[in-house]
């Protein structure tokens, strides 16, 4: 849906017209990022956009607030989002919990979110 073919079309199997691959993490993933003061932040990828002039992907991340016990929630009526290059995001192994309307995220012993994979 978000992938765009390069100039000249093509099917992505070689040549100058290869299609741009969608980035990882994907739309809807819960991710961690560096906050304004270096603390880890948690958010959900709401939108992805390819910037051709910079040859990079950027993500609109809805910031989630810590509700305790490793649960992160979206603040209702006050949605806060930030733009990040996808390379600065790390996916989290999170599960949506309907009863609390939030995401349960595994944390380290110090209470920081544990990244699913590095890279």
Foldseek 3Di string as FASTA:
>chain_A
DQKDWAPPRDDQPDDPTHIDDDDPPDAQFWKWAQDPVRAIWIWGFHDWHQDVVVRFIKTWTFTWPDPDPQWTAHDPPDTDTDIDTPLRIFTFPWDQDVVVRTIRFDADPVRGGDGPDDD
